[in-house]
Amino acid sequence: MFTKKKYFLIGLMFILSIVLVACGNSETDGDGGGDSDGDSDGDTVTLKFAHEEGQGDVQDLYANKFKEVLEEKSDGKFEVDVYTAGTLGTNADVLQSLQTGAIELAITSPGFSGDVIPESNIMSIPFLFSDDLEVNRKVLDESEALYGPLAEQYEDKGITPFKFWLEGFMWWTANKEISTPDDMKGVKMRTMPSNLIIKAYEHMGASPQSTDSGEIYTMLQTKGIDAQENPLFYVYSSNFHEVQDYLMDSKHHIYTTVTAANQDFFEGLDEADQELIEEVVQEVNDWSFDMQDEQAQEALDGIQEEEIEVIELTTEEREAFKEMTLDVRDDYKAESDAAKEILETIEKEIEEAEEEVGN
């Protein structure tokens, strides 16, 4: 005869068996969301991807294209959350978050990383790269200097750089025409917070001012600064042409940036996932070259509808500015043995690429 205690124990065992079966089913169910560890095959890995520009700008288009392609090619294993400029703090904060692993992916440019990784300032040396964007595209895609000694400098800071890519030429806007060194004397030129960029403008005779990007419009409007440099799409999207009288096609350098990952995160992925992310970066890089060209043309068309004078510097005028900034190359090489190797190698690569593309 069963006692009440025996009935209770049988009932308890029955309930526990149901709970265990349910738990077992939930562990094998791939529909549930996972965390960023990705330890379970069924988990979704969410990646935080931050960049330095606003919604609809070139970096934002790039990051969202990356999101689209990676999520599709991974069959939903990876999800990407894109963060625009200012969402996670300043651009310096984003770089630090990438180093510490607070975010997994970022687009970062030498104008903001140059003081942390001095060798990345190779991208900020005026008049170093070619006037032909196809040449620059080839160098950025294949350079032994960039993916050898420069990449090592990023890795030393806990960052895995995938690909360097361009957002077009930098242009000057100003309250007056700037086409000769005399025109540049004393001009309060807004620059990014990079010591090398500041030195370059000092060599050109300007009075460089490191101003937060969110303050440029107001500073131009109130005459706190006289001029600024940026790629065309950014000039247009930020409406700088509304408070400036002249736009100079100076081609003093290309705006270059790099898509990178936190090193510990990336090296913690299995080989197949690493290869997938690298494949997606290459695909998006190829796509971005035409995209940035289209954005630049649309910006120029829009700017020219306003009352602003567009001036294209001649080869001779550009050469005069180049001569004034050659000492910056020595400043760069003095940073380290790696910097010297990077500059000397990339100078040769640019020359070889110009010959190859020209043929």
Protein backbone atom coordinates (compact mmCIF):
# COMPACT_ATOMS: atom_id res chain seq x y z
CA MET A 1 0.00 0.00 0.00
CA PHE A 2 1.35 3.45 -1.04
CA THR A 3 1.73 6.04 1.65
CA LYS A 4 1.24 9.75 1.04
CA LYS A 5 5.01 10.17 1.16
CA LYS A 6 5.52 7.65 -1.65
CA TYR A 7 2.88 9.36 -3.81
CA PHE A 8 4.66 12.66 -3.25
CA LEU A 9 8.07 11.24 -4.32
CA ILE A 10 6.63 9.66 -7.50
CA GLY A 11 4.96 12.95 -8.44
CA LEU A 12 8.15 14.91 -7.83
CA MET A 13 10.20 12.53 -10.02
CA PHE A 14 7.63 12.89 -12.83
CA ILE A 15 7.81 16.70 -12.72
CA LEU A 16 11.63 16.68 -12.70
CA SER A 17 11.72 14.41 -15.77
CA ILE A 18 9.53 16.87 -17.71
CA VAL A 19 11.78 19.81 -16.72
CA LEU A 20 14.95 17.97 -17.80
CA VAL A 21 13.49 17.06 -21.19
CA ALA A 22 12.41 20.67 -21.74
CA CYS A 23 15.89 21.95 -20.83
CA GLY A 24 17.51 19.47 -23.17
CA ASN A 25 15.31 20.65 -26.03
CA SER A 26 16.06 24.32 -25.37
CA GLU A 27 19.83 23.74 -25.55
CA THR A 28 19.58 22.28 -29.04
CA ASP A 29 17.11 24.87 -30.30
CA GLY A 30 18.99 27.30 -32.57
CA ASP A 31 16.19 29.86 -32.65
CA GLY A 32 17.08 31.39 -29.32
CA GLY A 33 19.40 34.44 -29.27
CA GLY A 34 22.93 33.96 -28.04
CA ASP A 35 25.65 36.20 -26.69
CA SER A 36 28.83 37.41 -28.35
CA ASP A 37 30.86 34.44 -27.05
CA GLY A 38 29.58 32.22 -29.84
CA ASP A 39 30.49 29.08 -27.87
CA SER A 40 27.32 27.21 -28.85
CA ASP A 41 26.78 26.35 -32.50
CA GLY A 42 23.21 27.57 -32.18
CA ASP A 43 24.10 30.99 -30.78
CA THR A 44 23.92 34.21 -32.77
CA VAL A 45 27.12 36.25 -32.45
CA THR A 46 26.37 39.98 -32.24
CA LEU A 47 29.18 42.28 -33.34
CA LYS A 48 29.39 45.96 -32.46
CA PHE A 49 30.74 47.91 -35.46
CA ALA A 50 31.53 51.61 -34.88
CA HIS A 51 32.69 54.25 -37.34
CA GLU A 52 33.62 57.95 -37.42
CA GLU A 53 30.91 59.49 -39.61
CA GLY A 54 27.22 60.33 -39.64
CA GLN A 55 24.26 58.39 -40.96
CA GLY A 56 24.37 58.15 -44.75
CA ASP A 57 28.05 59.15 -45.02
CA VAL A 58 30.60 56.91 -46.75
CA GLN A 59 31.69 54.99 -43.64
CA ASP A 60 28.07 54.44 -42.64
CA LEU A 61 27.24 53.06 -46.09
CA TYR A 62 30.31 50.82 -45.86
CA ALA A 63 29.43 49.51 -42.38
CA ASN A 64 25.84 48.76 -43.36
CA LYS A 65 26.98 46.99 -46.53
CA PHE A 66 29.32 44.90 -44.38
CA LYS A 67 26.40 44.10 -42.07
CA GLU A 68 24.22 43.04 -45.00
CA VAL A 69 26.85 40.81 -46.62
CA LEU A 70 28.14 39.18 -43.42
CA GLU A 71 24.68 38.39 -42.07
CA GLU A 72 23.69 36.86 -45.40
CA LYS A 73 26.87 34.84 -45.93
CA SER A 74 26.91 33.55 -42.36
CA ASP A 75 23.27 32.41 -42.60
CA GLY A 76 22.44 34.53 -39.60
CA LYS A 77 25.25 33.28 -37.37
CA PHE A 78 26.57 36.84 -37.17
CA GLU A 79 24.50 39.92 -36.50
CA VAL A 80 26.07 43.37 -36.80
CA ASP A 81 25.00 46.46 -34.87
CA VAL A 82 26.31 49.64 -36.55
CA TYR A 83 27.14 52.70 -34.43
CA THR A 84 27.54 56.12 -36.07
CA ALA A 85 29.91 58.87 -34.91
CA GLY A 86 29.26 60.09 -31.40
CA THR A 87 27.07 57.15 -30.42
CA LEU A 88 29.83 55.49 -28.38
CA GLY A 89 31.78 58.62 -27.49
CA THR A 90 34.46 60.45 -29.43
CA ASN A 91 36.50 58.89 -32.22
CA ALA A 92 39.35 58.51 -29.72
CA ASP A 93 36.94 56.65 -27.42
CA VAL A 94 36.02 54.29 -30.26
CA LEU A 95 39.67 53.48 -30.88
CA GLN A 96 40.17 52.75 -27.20
CA SER A 97 37.03 50.59 -27.12
CA LEU A 98 38.38 48.62 -30.07
CA GLN A 99 41.65 48.05 -28.23
CA THR A 100 39.96 46.90 -25.03
CA GLY A 101 37.38 44.70 -26.77
CA ALA A 102 34.36 46.77 -25.72
CA ILE A 103 33.54 46.72 -29.44
CA GLU A 104 34.53 44.07 -31.95
CA LEU A 105 34.88 46.07 -35.18
CA ALA A 106 35.58 49.66 -36.19
CA ILE A 107 36.57 51.94 -39.02
CA THR A 108 39.36 54.21 -37.83
CA SER A 109 41.44 56.78 -39.68
CA PRO A 110 45.01 58.00 -39.05
CA GLY A 111 43.74 61.48 -38.27
CA PHE A 112 42.43 60.04 -35.01
CA SER A 113 44.76 57.05 -34.50
CA GLY A 114 48.03 58.73 -35.46
CA ASP A 115 49.05 59.70 -31.95
CA VAL A 116 48.33 56.16 -30.66
CA ILE A 117 49.89 54.41 -33.67
CA PRO A 118 52.37 57.00 -35.05
CA GLU A 119 53.24 54.83 -38.04
CA SER A 120 49.63 55.07 -39.28
CA ASN A 121 50.37 58.73 -40.07
CA ILE A 122 51.78 57.50 -43.38
CA MET A 123 48.26 58.16 -44.67
CA SER A 124 48.39 61.81 -43.59
CA ILE A 125 51.59 62.84 -45.37
CA PRO A 126 50.61 65.53 -47.89
CA PHE A 127 51.20 64.94 -51.59
CA LEU A 128 52.49 61.40 -51.02
CA PHE A 129 49.86 59.47 -52.94
CA SER A 130 49.03 59.61 -56.63
CA ASP A 131 46.64 61.99 -58.41
CA ASP A 132 45.10 58.83 -59.90
CA LEU A 133 42.65 57.11 -57.53
CA GLU A 134 43.05 53.79 -59.38
CA VAL A 135 46.75 53.87 -58.50
CA ASN A 136 45.93 54.58 -54.86
CA ARG A 137 43.33 51.82 -54.84
CA LYS A 138 45.91 49.31 -56.06
CA VAL A 139 48.48 50.38 -53.47
CA LEU A 140 46.00 50.27 -50.58
CA ASP A 141 44.83 46.82 -51.64
CA GLU A 142 48.22 45.19 -52.21
CA SER A 143 50.90 47.12 -50.31
CA GLU A 144 53.58 45.10 -48.54
CA ALA A 145 54.35 48.17 -46.44
CA LEU A 146 50.78 48.45 -45.14
CA TYR A 147 50.12 44.77 -44.54
CA GLY A 148 53.60 44.04 -43.18
CA PRO A 149 55.34 46.51 -40.87
CA LEU A 150 52.37 48.88 -40.51
CA ALA A 151 49.94 46.07 -39.67
CA GLU A 152 52.38 44.93 -36.99
CA GLN A 153 52.11 48.33 -35.29
CA TYR A 154 48.32 47.96 -35.10
CA GLU A 155 48.67 44.42 -33.75
CA ASP A 156 51.02 45.67 -31.04
CA LYS A 157 48.10 47.84 -29.86
CA GLY A 158 45.65 44.92 -29.78
CA ILE A 159 44.07 45.69 -33.18
CA THR A 160 43.83 43.47 -36.27
CA PRO A 161 43.74 45.66 -39.41
CA PHE A 162 41.98 44.02 -42.36
CA LYS A 163 42.05 46.49 -45.24
CA PHE A 164 42.97 50.10 -45.82
CA TRP A 165 40.59 51.88 -48.16
CA LEU A 166 39.98 55.37 -49.48
CA GLU A 167 37.08 57.81 -49.27
CA GLY A 168 38.32 60.10 -52.04
CA PHE A 169 40.61 63.09 -52.23
CA MET A 170 40.71 65.73 -49.51
CA TRP A 171 39.55 69.21 -50.56
CA TRP A 172 40.09 72.61 -48.98
CA THR A 173 37.25 75.04 -48.31
CA ALA A 174 38.05 78.59 -47.24
CA ASN A 175 36.85 82.17 -47.04
CA LYS A 176 39.35 83.08 -49.76
CA GLU A 177 41.08 81.37 -52.67
CA ILE A 178 44.04 79.21 -51.67
CA SER A 179 46.14 78.25 -54.65
CA THR A 180 49.64 79.44 -53.68
CA PRO A 181 51.75 79.24 -50.52
CA ASP A 182 51.25 82.98 -50.02
CA ASP A 183 47.47 82.38 -49.88
CA MET A 184 47.97 79.85 -47.07
CA LYS A 185 49.95 82.15 -44.77
CA GLY A 186 48.21 82.66 -41.44
CA VAL A 187 45.05 80.79 -42.47
CA LYS A 188 43.34 79.22 -39.47
CA MET A 189 42.97 75.75 -40.97
CA ARG A 190 40.92 73.15 -39.12
CA THR A 191 42.66 69.78 -38.98
CA MET A 192 42.15 66.44 -37.28
CA PRO A 193 44.02 65.97 -33.97
CA SER A 194 47.18 64.49 -35.48
CA ASN A 195 50.58 65.97 -34.70
CA LEU A 196 51.85 65.16 -38.18
CA ILE A 197 48.94 66.88 -39.93
CA ILE A 198 49.42 69.93 -37.71
CA LYS A 199 53.13 69.99 -38.59
CA ALA A 200 52.32 69.76 -42.29
CA TYR A 201 50.14 72.86 -42.18
CA GLU A 202 52.72 74.72 -40.12
CA HIS A 203 55.23 73.96 -42.88
CA MET A 204 52.74 75.41 -45.38
CA GLY A 205 52.50 78.61 -43.36
CA ALA A 206 49.00 78.07 -41.97
CA SER A 207 47.82 78.31 -38.37
CA PRO A 208 46.34 74.82 -37.87
CA GLN A 209 43.49 74.39 -35.38
CA SER A 210 42.47 70.99 -34.04
CA THR A 211 38.67 71.25 -33.79
CA ASP A 212 36.10 68.55 -33.04
CA SER A 213 34.23 67.61 -36.21
CA GLY A 214 30.90 68.56 -34.63
CA GLU A 215 32.10 72.14 -34.14
CA ILE A 216 33.47 72.84 -37.63
CA TYR A 217 30.31 74.40 -39.09
CA THR A 218 29.83 76.80 -36.19
CA MET A 219 33.51 77.70 -36.10
CA LEU A 220 33.46 78.49 -39.83
CA GLN A 221 30.26 80.47 -39.46
CA THR A 222 31.61 82.59 -36.60
CA LYS A 223 35.07 82.98 -38.21
CA GLY A 224 36.72 81.05 -35.41
CA ILE A 225 38.48 79.17 -38.21
CA ASP A 226 39.02 80.29 -41.81
CA ALA A 227 39.23 76.97 -43.62
CA GLN A 228 39.02 73.22 -43.30
CA GLU A 229 39.92 70.02 -45.17
CA ASN A 230 37.65 67.04 -45.83
CA PRO A 231 36.53 64.72 -48.62
CA LEU A 232 33.75 66.10 -50.81
CA PHE A 233 30.91 63.99 -49.47
CA TYR A 234 31.63 65.27 -45.95
CA VAL A 235 31.86 68.89 -47.07
CA TYR A 236 28.43 68.51 -48.63
CA SER A 237 26.69 66.48 -45.92
CA SER A 238 27.98 68.86 -43.25
CA ASN A 239 26.93 71.94 -45.28
CA PHE A 240 30.35 73.59 -45.03
CA HIS A 241 29.76 75.05 -48.50
CA GLU A 242 27.03 77.22 -46.96
CA VAL A 243 29.56 79.13 -44.84
CA GLN A 244 32.57 79.12 -47.18
CA ASP A 245 33.18 81.01 -50.42
CA TYR A 246 35.81 78.81 -52.08
CA LEU A 247 36.27 75.07 -52.69
CA MET A 248 39.77 74.00 -53.74
CA ASP A 249 40.49 70.77 -55.60
CA SER A 250 43.95 70.48 -54.06
CA LYS A 251 44.48 66.70 -54.09
CA HIS A 252 46.92 67.20 -51.22
CA HIS A 253 46.14 63.71 -50.02
CA ILE A 254 43.51 61.00 -50.00
CA TYR A 255 41.26 60.35 -47.03
CA THR A 256 42.23 56.84 -46.05
CA THR A 257 40.88 54.65 -43.31
CA VAL A 258 41.10 51.05 -42.16
CA THR A 259 38.55 48.41 -41.25
CA ALA A 260 39.82 46.62 -38.15
CA ALA A 261 38.87 44.22 -35.36
CA ASN A 262 39.78 43.74 -31.74
CA GLN A 263 42.66 41.28 -31.91
CA ASP A 264 41.57 38.97 -29.08
CA PHE A 265 38.06 38.74 -30.50
CA PHE A 266 39.23 37.96 -34.03
CA GLU A 267 41.87 35.43 -33.02
CA GLY A 268 39.29 33.73 -30.79
CA LEU A 269 37.14 32.87 -33.80
CA ASP A 270 37.58 29.59 -35.59
CA GLU A 271 39.48 29.63 -38.89
CA ALA A 272 36.35 29.43 -41.05
CA ASP A 273 34.81 32.50 -39.39
CA GLN A 274 38.05 34.44 -39.68
CA GLU A 275 38.21 33.67 -43.40
CA LEU A 276 34.55 34.65 -43.83
CA ILE A 277 35.05 38.05 -42.22
CA GLU A 278 38.17 38.71 -44.31
CA GLU A 279 36.30 37.69 -47.45
CA VAL A 280 33.43 40.05 -46.63
CA VAL A 281 35.83 42.93 -45.94
CA GLN A 282 37.47 42.43 -49.34
CA GLU A 283 34.09 42.31 -51.09
CA VAL A 284 32.89 45.47 -49.37
CA ASN A 285 36.19 47.23 -50.07
CA ASP A 286 35.82 46.52 -53.79
CA TRP A 287 32.24 47.79 -53.67
CA SER A 288 33.20 50.91 -51.70
CA PHE A 289 35.53 52.28 -54.38
CA ASP A 290 32.69 52.91 -56.82
CA MET A 291 30.40 53.95 -53.98
CA GLN A 292 32.72 56.70 -52.75
CA ASP A 293 33.20 57.94 -56.31
CA GLU A 294 29.44 58.25 -56.75
CA GLN A 295 29.12 60.03 -53.40
CA ALA A 296 31.85 62.50 -54.38
CA GLN A 297 30.20 63.29 -57.71
CA GLU A 298 26.79 63.79 -56.12
CA ALA A 299 28.37 66.08 -53.53
CA LEU A 300 30.16 68.16 -56.16
CA ASP A 301 26.95 68.52 -58.16
CA GLY A 302 25.10 69.67 -55.06
CA ILE A 303 27.83 72.08 -53.98
CA GLN A 304 28.03 73.68 -57.42
CA GLU A 305 24.36 74.61 -57.16
CA GLU A 306 25.34 77.01 -54.39
CA GLU A 307 27.22 80.30 -54.70
CA ILE A 308 30.69 78.89 -54.16
CA GLU A 309 33.69 79.12 -56.46
CA VAL A 310 35.41 75.83 -57.32
CA ILE A 311 39.13 76.09 -58.05
CA GLU A 312 41.32 73.28 -59.36
CA LEU A 313 44.98 73.70 -58.47
CA THR A 314 47.42 73.22 -61.35
CA THR A 315 50.27 70.71 -61.20
CA GLU A 316 52.71 73.58 -60.64
CA GLU A 317 50.63 75.01 -57.77
CA ARG A 318 50.40 71.64 -56.09
CA GLU A 319 54.15 71.11 -56.52
CA ALA A 320 54.84 74.38 -54.67
CA PHE A 321 52.88 73.13 -51.64
CA LYS A 322 54.53 69.72 -51.90
CA GLU A 323 57.99 71.27 -51.69
CA MET A 324 56.99 73.03 -48.48
CA THR A 325 55.89 69.78 -46.82
CA LEU A 326 58.78 67.47 -47.72
CA ASP A 327 60.25 67.88 -44.23
CA VAL A 328 57.15 66.12 -42.88
CA ARG A 329 58.46 62.91 -44.43
CA ASP A 330 61.61 63.23 -42.35
CA ASP A 331 59.46 63.88 -39.27
CA TYR A 332 57.56 60.69 -40.02
CA LYS A 333 60.66 58.56 -40.58
CA ALA A 334 62.08 59.78 -37.28
CA GLU A 335 59.19 58.09 -35.43
CA SER A 336 60.73 54.60 -35.66
CA ASP A 337 62.68 52.17 -37.84
CA ALA A 338 59.32 50.74 -38.90
CA ALA A 339 58.15 54.18 -40.07
CA LYS A 340 61.28 54.61 -42.19
CA GLU A 341 60.75 51.18 -43.77
CA ILE A 342 57.04 51.85 -44.39
CA LEU A 343 57.61 55.21 -46.10
CA GLU A 344 60.49 54.08 -48.29
CA THR A 345 58.57 50.97 -49.35
CA ILE A 346 55.30 52.73 -50.10
CA GLU A 347 57.03 55.44 -52.14
CA LYS A 348 58.36 52.69 -54.40
CA GLU A 349 54.98 50.96 -54.51
CA ILE A 350 53.21 54.15 -55.58
CA GLU A 351 55.77 54.73 -58.31
CA GLU A 352 55.46 51.15 -59.58
CA ALA A 353 51.65 51.28 -59.47
CA GLU A 354 51.64 54.53 -61.48
CA GLU A 355 53.73 52.85 -64.17
CA GLU A 356 51.55 49.75 -64.20
CA VAL A 357 48.17 51.56 -64.23
CA GLY A 358 49.50 54.06 -66.77
CA ASN A 359 50.32 51.23 -69.14
